[in-house]
Amino acid sequence: MRVTFKLGDEDLSHLKRMMRSAAAKQKEPRKIVDAARALARSAREAKPPDYVLERITTIEDIVRMVEDTEWRLPASVRKRVCSALAYFAEPHDLIPDHIPVFGFLDDAIMIEIMAEGFQPEIQGYRDFCRYRNSSSRRLSSATQAPLLQQRLLAKRRQLRARIQARRQRARDGDGAGRHFKF
């Protein structure tokens, strides 16, 4: 069975206020990231519906993006991402996670809101990971490690420029999506 619904502007405003409220509590970034990782783990263990699992993959990518030392997420972006992740560090959310089928629905919605706000960064990071994995297989010997690092640096710069260009187009209003500012 397929069920779809659309959140109106008031609904989205309410959910975004909840995210901002959680961010205002200014928890330690490490605790926030750990809580997001724990949410993903507990959601996977609960074997939720596919619509939740799809979003859980996104939050797992976001956590990896924050922690990836080769990606080197800029401090300003890391701060915004941690602010967005703060909702998942709250002990009580809209729907208790233990409720079958619907327990992670609110988390999935919040992940979707967050993913929309960080779409350029998430896509750039995923592209970087694909490139790194492909390059690592080709340049696997110790003597090729410096070449791999040079290529990763160049790719990271290229992707960061693309992210900035997409952000600028979104700010200029070309219809690239409405991004929630964290």
N, C-alpha and C. Protein backbone atom coordinates (compact mmCIF):
# COMPACT_ATOMS: atom_id res chain seq x y z
N MET A 1 0.85 -1.18 0.00
CA MET A 1 0.00 0.00 0.00
C MET A 1 0.89 1.24 0.00
N ARG A 2 0.52 2.19 -0.79
CA ARG A 2 1.27 3.44 -0.86
C ARG A 2 0.41 4.55 -0.27
N VAL A 3 0.99 5.29 0.66
CA VAL A 3 0.32 6.43 1.27
C VAL A 3 1.23 7.64 1.10
N THR A 4 0.69 8.71 0.59
CA THR A 4 1.47 9.94 0.45
C THR A 4 0.72 11.07 1.14
N PHE A 5 1.48 12.04 1.58
CA PHE A 5 0.86 13.22 2.17
C PHE A 5 1.77 14.41 1.91
N LYS A 6 1.19 15.57 1.99
CA LYS A 6 1.93 16.80 1.76
C LYS A 6 1.86 17.64 3.01
N LEU A 7 3.01 18.13 3.44
CA LEU A 7 3.05 19.02 4.59
C LEU A 7 2.88 20.45 4.10
N GLY A 8 1.97 21.16 4.72
CA GLY A 8 1.74 22.55 4.37
C GLY A 8 2.79 23.45 5.00
N ASP A 9 2.74 24.71 4.65
CA ASP A 9 3.71 25.67 5.18
C ASP A 9 3.65 25.76 6.70
N GLU A 10 2.45 25.73 7.27
CA GLU A 10 2.32 25.78 8.73
C GLU A 10 2.94 24.55 9.38
N ASP A 11 2.71 23.39 8.77
CA ASP A 11 3.30 22.15 9.30
C ASP A 11 4.82 22.24 9.27
N LEU A 12 5.36 22.65 8.13
CA LEU A 12 6.81 22.77 8.00
C LEU A 12 7.37 23.80 8.96
N SER A 13 6.68 24.90 9.13
CA SER A 13 7.13 25.93 10.08
C SER A 13 7.20 25.37 11.49
N HIS A 14 6.19 24.61 11.86
CA HIS A 14 6.18 24.00 13.20
C HIS A 14 7.37 23.06 13.37
N LEU A 15 7.60 22.20 12.40
CA LEU A 15 8.71 21.24 12.49
C LEU A 15 10.06 21.96 12.50
N LYS A 16 10.19 23.00 11.72
CA LYS A 16 11.44 23.75 11.69
C LYS A 16 11.67 24.49 13.01
N ARG A 17 10.58 24.95 13.64
CA ARG A 17 10.72 25.57 14.96
C ARG A 17 11.23 24.55 15.97
N MET A 18 10.73 23.32 15.85
CA MET A 18 11.21 22.26 16.75
C MET A 18 12.70 22.00 16.54
N MET A 19 13.13 22.02 15.28
CA MET A 19 14.55 21.82 14.99
C MET A 19 15.38 22.97 15.57
N ARG A 20 14.89 24.18 15.39
CA ARG A 20 15.62 25.34 15.92
C ARG A 20 15.66 25.33 17.45
N SER A 21 14.57 24.90 18.05
CA SER A 21 14.52 24.81 19.51
C SER A 21 15.56 23.82 20.02
N ALA A 22 15.67 22.69 19.36
CA ALA A 22 16.68 21.69 19.76
C ALA A 22 18.08 22.25 19.56
N ALA A 23 18.30 22.97 18.46
CA ALA A 23 19.61 23.54 18.18
C ALA A 23 19.98 24.61 19.21
N ALA A 24 18.98 25.35 19.69
CA ALA A 24 19.23 26.42 20.65
C ALA A 24 19.76 25.90 21.98
N LYS A 25 19.54 24.64 22.26
CA LYS A 25 20.03 24.06 23.52
C LYS A 25 21.53 23.86 23.51
N GLN A 26 22.15 23.99 22.37
CA GLN A 26 23.60 23.97 22.20
C GLN A 26 24.29 22.82 22.91
N LYS A 27 23.89 21.63 22.57
CA LYS A 27 24.59 20.46 23.08
C LYS A 27 25.94 20.34 22.39
N GLU A 28 26.81 19.56 22.99
CA GLU A 28 28.12 19.31 22.40
C GLU A 28 27.97 18.65 21.03
N PRO A 29 28.70 19.12 20.03
CA PRO A 29 28.60 18.50 18.70
C PRO A 29 28.83 16.99 18.72
N ARG A 30 29.79 16.52 19.51
CA ARG A 30 30.07 15.08 19.57
C ARG A 30 28.84 14.31 20.05
N LYS A 31 28.15 14.85 21.06
CA LYS A 31 26.95 14.18 21.58
C LYS A 31 25.83 14.19 20.54
N ILE A 32 25.73 15.26 19.80
CA ILE A 32 24.70 15.36 18.76
C ILE A 32 24.95 14.33 17.67
N VAL A 33 26.19 14.24 17.21
CA VAL A 33 26.52 13.27 16.16
C VAL A 33 26.33 11.85 16.67
N ASP A 34 26.74 11.59 17.91
CA ASP A 34 26.54 10.26 18.49
C ASP A 34 25.06 9.91 18.58
N ALA A 35 24.23 10.89 18.93
CA ALA A 35 22.79 10.64 19.03
C ALA A 35 22.19 10.34 17.65
N ALA A 36 22.65 11.04 16.63
CA ALA A 36 22.16 10.76 15.27
C ALA A 36 22.57 9.36 14.83
N ARG A 37 23.79 8.97 15.16
CA ARG A 37 24.26 7.62 14.83
C ARG A 37 23.43 6.58 15.58
N ALA A 38 23.15 6.84 16.85
CA ALA A 38 22.35 5.91 17.66
C ALA A 38 20.93 5.80 17.11
N LEU A 39 20.36 6.90 16.67
CA LEU A 39 19.03 6.87 16.06
C LEU A 39 19.04 5.96 14.83
N ALA A 40 20.03 6.13 13.99
CA ALA A 40 20.12 5.31 12.77
C ALA A 40 20.24 3.83 13.13
N ARG A 41 21.07 3.53 14.11
CA ARG A 41 21.26 2.14 14.53
C ARG A 41 19.96 1.56 15.09
N SER A 42 19.30 2.29 15.98
CA SER A 42 18.07 1.77 16.58
C SER A 42 16.95 1.66 15.54
N ALA A 43 16.92 2.59 14.59
CA ALA A 43 15.91 2.51 13.54
C ALA A 43 16.13 1.27 12.68
N ARG A 44 17.37 1.01 12.32
CA ARG A 44 17.66 -0.19 11.52
C ARG A 44 17.30 -1.46 12.28
N GLU A 45 17.61 -1.49 13.57
CA GLU A 45 17.29 -2.67 14.38
C GLU A 45 15.79 -2.90 14.49
N ALA A 46 15.01 -1.83 14.44
CA ALA A 46 13.55 -1.93 14.56
C ALA A 46 12.91 -2.42 13.26
N LYS A 47 13.71 -2.53 12.20
CA LYS A 47 13.21 -2.97 10.89
C LYS A 47 11.97 -2.15 10.47
N PRO A 48 12.16 -0.84 10.34
CA PRO A 48 11.04 0.03 9.98
C PRO A 48 10.66 -0.10 8.51
N PRO A 49 9.57 0.53 8.13
CA PRO A 49 9.16 0.52 6.71
C PRO A 49 10.24 1.16 5.82
N ASP A 50 10.16 0.85 4.55
CA ASP A 50 11.15 1.34 3.59
C ASP A 50 11.27 2.86 3.57
N TYR A 51 10.15 3.58 3.72
CA TYR A 51 10.23 5.04 3.67
C TYR A 51 11.11 5.58 4.79
N VAL A 52 11.18 4.88 5.91
CA VAL A 52 12.07 5.30 7.00
C VAL A 52 13.51 4.90 6.67
N LEU A 53 13.70 3.68 6.20
CA LEU A 53 15.05 3.21 5.88
C LEU A 53 15.74 4.10 4.86
N GLU A 54 14.99 4.58 3.88
CA GLU A 54 15.58 5.47 2.88
C GLU A 54 16.13 6.73 3.54
N ARG A 55 15.43 7.25 4.51
CA ARG A 55 15.89 8.47 5.20
C ARG A 55 17.02 8.15 6.17
N ILE A 56 17.00 6.97 6.76
CA ILE A 56 18.06 6.57 7.68
C ILE A 56 19.40 6.53 6.93
N THR A 57 19.38 6.06 5.70
CA THR A 57 20.60 6.07 4.89
C THR A 57 21.13 7.49 4.74
N THR A 58 20.24 8.44 4.59
CA THR A 58 20.65 9.84 4.46
C THR A 58 21.30 10.34 5.74
N ILE A 59 20.71 10.05 6.89
CA ILE A 59 21.32 10.55 8.13
C ILE A 59 22.66 9.85 8.39
N GLU A 60 22.78 8.60 7.98
CA GLU A 60 24.07 7.91 8.11
C GLU A 60 25.12 8.59 7.23
N ASP A 61 24.74 8.99 6.03
CA ASP A 61 25.67 9.72 5.16
C ASP A 61 26.05 11.06 5.77
N ILE A 62 25.10 11.73 6.39
CA ILE A 62 25.38 13.03 7.01
C ILE A 62 26.36 12.86 8.16
N VAL A 63 26.16 11.84 8.98
CA VAL A 63 27.09 11.58 10.09
C VAL A 63 28.49 11.29 9.54
N ARG A 64 28.57 10.45 8.52
CA ARG A 64 29.89 10.15 7.92
C ARG A 64 30.51 11.43 7.35
N MET A 65 29.70 12.27 6.74
CA MET A 65 30.19 13.52 6.16
C MET A 65 30.82 14.40 7.24
N VAL A 66 30.19 14.47 8.40
CA VAL A 66 30.71 15.28 9.50
C VAL A 66 32.03 14.71 10.02
N GLU A 67 32.15 13.40 10.04
CA GLU A 67 33.32 12.76 10.66
C GLU A 67 34.45 12.45 9.68
N ASP A 68 34.22 12.54 8.41
CA ASP A 68 35.20 12.13 7.40
C ASP A 68 36.38 13.10 7.36
N THR A 69 37.55 12.63 7.78
CA THR A 69 38.72 13.50 7.83
C THR A 69 39.27 13.83 6.44
N GLU A 70 38.99 13.00 5.47
CA GLU A 70 39.45 13.32 4.11
C GLU A 70 38.52 14.31 3.41
N TRP A 71 37.25 14.33 3.79
CA TRP A 71 36.32 15.29 3.21
C TRP A 71 36.55 16.68 3.80
N ARG A 72 36.90 16.71 5.07
CA ARG A 72 37.22 17.98 5.75
C ARG A 72 36.10 19.01 5.61
N LEU A 73 34.97 18.67 6.16
CA LEU A 73 33.82 19.57 6.12
C LEU A 73 34.20 20.91 6.76
N PRO A 74 33.98 22.02 6.07
CA PRO A 74 34.31 23.33 6.64
C PRO A 74 33.61 23.54 7.99
N ALA A 75 34.29 24.21 8.90
CA ALA A 75 33.77 24.41 10.26
C ALA A 75 32.40 25.07 10.26
N SER A 76 32.18 26.04 9.38
CA SER A 76 30.88 26.73 9.35
C SER A 76 29.76 25.77 8.94
N VAL A 77 30.05 24.88 8.00
CA VAL A 77 29.05 23.91 7.56
C VAL A 77 28.84 22.86 8.64
N ARG A 78 29.94 22.42 9.26
CA ARG A 78 29.85 21.44 10.36
C ARG A 78 28.94 21.97 11.47
N LYS A 79 29.09 23.25 11.78
CA LYS A 79 28.26 23.85 12.84
C LYS A 79 26.78 23.84 12.44
N ARG A 80 26.49 24.20 11.19
CA ARG A 80 25.10 24.19 10.71
C ARG A 80 24.53 22.78 10.69
N VAL A 81 25.34 21.81 10.27
CA VAL A 81 24.87 20.42 10.23
C VAL A 81 24.58 19.94 11.65
N CYS A 82 25.47 20.23 12.59
CA CYS A 82 25.23 19.81 13.97
C CYS A 82 23.99 20.47 14.55
N SER A 83 23.75 21.72 14.19
CA SER A 83 22.52 22.39 14.63
C SER A 83 21.30 21.65 14.10
N ALA A 84 21.38 21.23 12.84
CA ALA A 84 20.25 20.50 12.25
C ALA A 84 20.09 19.12 12.87
N LEU A 85 21.19 18.48 13.21
CA LEU A 85 21.14 17.14 13.82
C LEU A 85 20.68 17.18 15.28
N ALA A 86 20.68 18.35 15.90
CA ALA A 86 20.36 18.46 17.33
C ALA A 86 18.99 17.88 17.67
N TYR A 87 18.05 17.95 16.76
CA TYR A 87 16.72 17.37 17.01
C TYR A 87 16.82 15.91 17.40
N PHE A 88 17.75 15.20 16.79
CA PHE A 88 17.88 13.76 17.02
C PHE A 88 18.56 13.45 18.35
N ALA A 89 19.07 14.47 19.03
CA ALA A 89 19.66 14.30 20.35
C ALA A 89 18.65 14.57 21.46
N GLU A 90 17.45 14.97 21.07
CA GLU A 90 16.39 15.23 22.06
C GLU A 90 15.85 13.90 22.59
N PRO A 91 15.66 13.80 23.90
CA PRO A 91 15.17 12.53 24.45
C PRO A 91 13.72 12.21 24.07
N HIS A 92 12.93 13.22 23.81
CA HIS A 92 11.52 13.00 23.46
C HIS A 92 11.24 13.68 22.13
N ASP A 93 10.70 12.91 21.19
CA ASP A 93 10.34 13.50 19.92
C ASP A 93 8.83 13.39 19.72
N LEU A 94 8.35 13.77 18.56
CA LEU A 94 6.91 13.82 18.32
C LEU A 94 6.22 12.47 18.48
N ILE A 95 6.82 11.43 17.91
CA ILE A 95 6.23 10.09 17.99
C ILE A 95 7.26 9.19 18.65
N PRO A 96 6.93 8.59 19.78
CA PRO A 96 7.90 7.70 20.44
C PRO A 96 8.37 6.60 19.48
N ASP A 97 9.68 6.39 19.45
CA ASP A 97 10.26 5.46 18.48
C ASP A 97 9.82 4.02 18.66
N HIS A 98 9.34 3.66 19.84
CA HIS A 98 8.96 2.26 20.09
C HIS A 98 7.60 1.89 19.47
N ILE A 99 6.88 2.86 18.94
CA ILE A 99 5.56 2.57 18.35
C ILE A 99 5.78 1.91 16.98
N PRO A 100 5.25 0.70 16.79
CA PRO A 100 5.45 -0.01 15.52
C PRO A 100 4.94 0.80 14.32
N VAL A 101 5.61 0.67 13.22
CA VAL A 101 5.32 1.28 11.93
C VAL A 101 5.52 2.80 11.93
N PHE A 102 4.98 3.51 12.91
CA PHE A 102 5.00 4.97 12.90
C PHE A 102 6.05 5.60 13.80
N GLY A 103 6.73 4.82 14.61
CA GLY A 103 7.66 5.37 15.60
C GLY A 103 8.76 6.25 15.04
N PHE A 104 9.21 5.94 13.86
CA PHE A 104 10.29 6.72 13.26
C PHE A 104 9.79 7.66 12.16
N LEU A 105 8.47 7.80 12.03
CA LEU A 105 7.92 8.67 10.99
C LEU A 105 8.36 10.12 11.18
N ASP A 106 8.27 10.62 12.41
CA ASP A 106 8.69 12.01 12.65
C ASP A 106 10.17 12.19 12.35
N ASP A 107 10.98 11.18 12.70
CA ASP A 107 12.41 11.26 12.42
C ASP A 107 12.65 11.29 10.91
N ALA A 108 11.92 10.46 10.18
CA ALA A 108 12.06 10.42 8.72
C ALA A 108 11.69 11.78 8.11
N ILE A 109 10.65 12.40 8.63
CA ILE A 109 10.24 13.72 8.13
C ILE A 109 11.32 14.75 8.44
N MET A 110 11.84 14.72 9.65
CA MET A 110 12.88 15.68 10.03
C MET A 110 14.15 15.46 9.20
N ILE A 111 14.48 14.21 8.93
CA ILE A 111 15.64 13.92 8.08
C ILE A 111 15.41 14.49 6.69
N GLU A 112 14.20 14.34 6.18
CA GLU A 112 13.88 14.85 4.85
C GLU A 112 14.01 16.38 4.81
N ILE A 113 13.53 17.05 5.84
CA ILE A 113 13.66 18.51 5.92
C ILE A 113 15.14 18.90 5.95
N MET A 114 15.90 18.20 6.78
CA MET A 114 17.32 18.49 6.90
C MET A 114 18.05 18.21 5.58
N ALA A 115 17.72 17.10 4.94
CA ALA A 115 18.37 16.73 3.68
C ALA A 115 18.11 17.77 2.60
N GLU A 116 16.90 18.33 2.60
CA GLU A 116 16.60 19.38 1.62
C GLU A 116 17.50 20.59 1.86
N GLY A 117 17.72 20.91 3.12
CA GLY A 117 18.56 22.06 3.45
C GLY A 117 20.03 21.86 3.14
N PHE A 118 20.48 20.63 3.12
CA PHE A 118 21.89 20.33 2.88
C PHE A 118 22.10 19.50 1.61
N GLN A 119 21.16 19.56 0.69
CA GLN A 119 21.25 18.74 -0.52
C GLN A 119 22.56 18.94 -1.28
N PRO A 120 23.03 20.17 -1.51
CA PRO A 120 24.30 20.31 -2.24
C PRO A 120 25.47 19.65 -1.52
N GLU A 121 25.52 19.79 -0.19
CA GLU A 121 26.62 19.19 0.57
C GLU A 121 26.53 17.67 0.57
N ILE A 122 25.34 17.14 0.75
CA ILE A 122 25.16 15.68 0.77
C ILE A 122 25.53 15.09 -0.58
N GLN A 123 25.05 15.68 -1.65
CA GLN A 123 25.38 15.16 -2.99
C GLN A 123 26.87 15.27 -3.26
N GLY A 124 27.46 16.40 -2.88
CA GLY A 124 28.90 16.57 -3.07
C GLY A 124 29.69 15.52 -2.29
N TYR A 125 29.28 15.26 -1.06
CA TYR A 125 29.97 14.25 -0.26
C TYR A 125 29.81 12.86 -0.86
N ARG A 126 28.62 12.53 -1.30
CA ARG A 126 28.42 11.22 -1.93
C ARG A 126 29.27 11.07 -3.18
N ASP A 127 29.37 12.13 -3.97
CA ASP A 127 30.23 12.09 -5.16
C ASP A 127 31.69 11.91 -4.77
N PHE A 128 32.12 12.60 -3.71
CA PHE A 128 33.49 12.46 -3.22
C PHE A 128 33.77 11.02 -2.80
N CYS A 129 32.84 10.42 -2.08
CA CYS A 129 33.02 9.03 -1.63
C CYS A 129 33.13 8.07 -2.81
N ARG A 130 32.30 8.25 -3.81
CA ARG A 130 32.38 7.40 -5.01
C ARG A 130 33.74 7.57 -5.69
N TYR A 131 34.17 8.81 -5.81
CA TYR A 131 35.47 9.07 -6.44
C TYR A 131 36.60 8.46 -5.62
N ARG A 132 36.55 8.65 -4.32
CA ARG A 132 37.60 8.11 -3.44
C ARG A 132 37.66 6.59 -3.53
N ASN A 133 36.50 5.95 -3.48
CA ASN A 133 36.48 4.49 -3.55
C ASN A 133 37.05 4.00 -4.88
N SER A 134 36.67 4.63 -5.95
CA SER A 134 37.16 4.26 -7.27
C SER A 134 38.66 4.50 -7.38
N SER A 135 39.12 5.65 -6.93
CA SER A 135 40.55 5.99 -7.00
C SER A 135 41.38 5.11 -6.08
N SER A 136 40.85 4.78 -4.91
CA SER A 136 41.58 3.94 -3.96
C SER A 136 41.84 2.56 -4.54
N ARG A 137 40.91 2.04 -5.30
CA ARG A 137 41.11 0.73 -5.92
C ARG A 137 42.21 0.81 -6.98
N ARG A 138 42.23 1.90 -7.73
CA ARG A 138 43.23 2.05 -8.80
C ARG A 138 44.61 2.42 -8.26
N LEU A 139 44.63 3.18 -7.18
CA LEU A 139 45.91 3.67 -6.64
C LEU A 139 46.14 3.08 -5.25
N SER A 140 46.19 1.78 -5.16
CA SER A 140 46.21 1.12 -3.85
C SER A 140 47.60 0.91 -3.27
N SER A 141 48.65 1.03 -4.03
CA SER A 141 49.99 0.77 -3.48
C SER A 141 50.46 1.95 -2.65
N ALA A 142 51.38 1.67 -1.74
CA ALA A 142 51.92 2.71 -0.86
C ALA A 142 52.63 3.80 -1.66
N THR A 143 53.26 3.43 -2.75
CA THR A 143 53.97 4.44 -3.55
C THR A 143 53.01 5.39 -4.26
N GLN A 144 51.77 4.97 -4.42
CA GLN A 144 50.78 5.81 -5.10
C GLN A 144 49.94 6.64 -4.13
N ALA A 145 50.19 6.49 -2.83
CA ALA A 145 49.41 7.22 -1.82
C ALA A 145 49.49 8.74 -2.01
N PRO A 146 50.68 9.31 -2.28
CA PRO A 146 50.71 10.77 -2.49
C PRO A 146 49.87 11.21 -3.69
N LEU A 147 49.89 10.42 -4.75
CA LEU A 147 49.08 10.75 -5.93
C LEU A 147 47.59 10.69 -5.58
N LEU A 148 47.20 9.69 -4.81
CA LEU A 148 45.81 9.58 -4.37
C LEU A 148 45.41 10.81 -3.57
N GLN A 149 46.26 11.23 -2.64
CA GLN A 149 45.95 12.41 -1.81
C GLN A 149 45.82 13.67 -2.67
N GLN A 150 46.69 13.81 -3.67
CA GLN A 150 46.60 14.96 -4.58
C GLN A 150 45.27 14.95 -5.34
N ARG A 151 44.89 13.78 -5.80
CA ARG A 151 43.64 13.68 -6.56
C ARG A 151 42.43 13.94 -5.67
N LEU A 152 42.49 13.45 -4.44
CA LEU A 152 41.38 13.70 -3.51
C LEU A 152 41.27 15.19 -3.20
N LEU A 153 42.40 15.84 -3.02
CA LEU A 153 42.40 17.28 -2.77
C LEU A 153 41.76 18.03 -3.95
N ALA A 154 42.17 17.67 -5.16
CA ALA A 154 41.62 18.33 -6.35
C ALA A 154 40.12 18.06 -6.46
N LYS A 155 39.70 16.84 -6.21
CA LYS A 155 38.28 16.49 -6.30
C LYS A 155 37.48 17.24 -5.23
N ARG A 156 38.03 17.30 -4.02
CA ARG A 156 37.35 18.01 -2.93
C ARG A 156 37.16 19.48 -3.30
N ARG A 157 38.19 20.10 -3.85
CA ARG A 157 38.08 21.51 -4.27
C ARG A 157 37.03 21.68 -5.36
N GLN A 158 37.03 20.77 -6.33
CA GLN A 158 36.05 20.83 -7.42
C GLN A 158 34.63 20.71 -6.87
N LEU A 159 34.42 19.77 -5.97
CA LEU A 159 33.08 19.56 -5.41
C LEU A 159 32.66 20.73 -4.52
N ARG A 160 33.59 21.31 -3.78
CA ARG A 160 33.26 22.46 -2.94
C ARG A 160 32.84 23.64 -3.81
N ALA A 161 33.52 23.82 -4.94
CA ALA A 161 33.13 24.89 -5.86
C ALA A 161 31.73 24.65 -6.40
N ARG A 162 31.43 23.40 -6.71
CA ARG A 162 30.08 23.06 -7.21
C ARG A 162 29.03 23.32 -6.13
N ILE A 163 29.35 22.95 -4.89
CA ILE A 163 28.42 23.19 -3.78
C ILE A 163 28.16 24.69 -3.65
N GLN A 164 29.22 25.48 -3.68
CA GLN A 164 29.06 26.93 -3.57
C GLN A 164 28.22 27.49 -4.71
N ALA A 165 28.44 26.99 -5.91
CA ALA A 165 27.66 27.47 -7.06
C ALA A 165 26.18 27.12 -6.89
N ARG A 166 25.91 25.92 -6.41
CA ARG A 166 24.51 25.52 -6.20
C ARG A 166 23.87 26.34 -5.09
N ARG A 167 24.62 26.60 -4.04
CA ARG A 167 24.11 27.45 -2.96
C ARG A 167 23.79 28.84 -3.49
N GLN A 168 24.69 29.37 -4.30
CA GLN A 168 24.48 30.72 -4.85
C GLN A 168 23.24 30.75 -5.74
N ARG A 169 23.07 29.74 -6.58
CA ARG A 169 21.88 29.69 -7.44
C ARG A 169 20.62 29.61 -6.59
N ALA A 170 20.66 28.85 -5.50
CA ALA A 170 19.49 28.75 -4.62
C ALA A 170 19.19 30.11 -3.98
N ARG A 171 20.25 30.82 -3.57
CA ARG A 171 20.06 32.16 -2.98
C ARG A 171 19.50 33.13 -4.01
N ASP A 172 19.94 32.98 -5.25
CA ASP A 172 19.49 33.88 -6.32
C ASP A 172 18.08 33.55 -6.79
N GLY A 173 17.54 32.41 -6.32
CA GLY A 173 16.15 32.07 -6.62
C GLY A 173 15.91 31.50 -7.99
N ASP A 174 16.77 30.60 -8.45
CA ASP A 174 16.56 30.01 -9.77
C ASP A 174 15.67 28.78 -9.73
N GLY A 175 15.00 28.56 -8.60
CA GLY A 175 14.13 27.40 -8.50
C GLY A 175 14.86 26.13 -8.10
N ALA A 176 16.07 26.27 -7.58
CA ALA A 176 16.87 25.10 -7.21
C ALA A 176 16.36 24.46 -5.93
N GLY A 177 15.25 24.90 -5.43
CA GLY A 177 14.69 24.31 -4.22
C GLY A 177 14.68 25.32 -3.09
N ARG A 178 13.74 25.17 -2.20
CA ARG A 178 13.72 26.08 -1.06
C ARG A 178 14.48 25.41 0.06
N HIS A 179 15.52 26.07 0.46
CA HIS A 179 16.40 25.49 1.47
C HIS A 179 16.10 26.10 2.83
N PHE A 180 16.03 25.25 3.81
CA PHE A 180 15.82 25.67 5.18
C PHE A 180 17.16 26.13 5.73
N LYS A 181 17.21 27.31 6.26
CA LYS A 181 18.46 27.84 6.78
C LYS A 181 18.64 27.40 8.23
N PHE A 182 19.73 26.72 8.48
CA PHE A 182 20.04 26.27 9.84
C PHE A 182 20.97 27.25 10.49
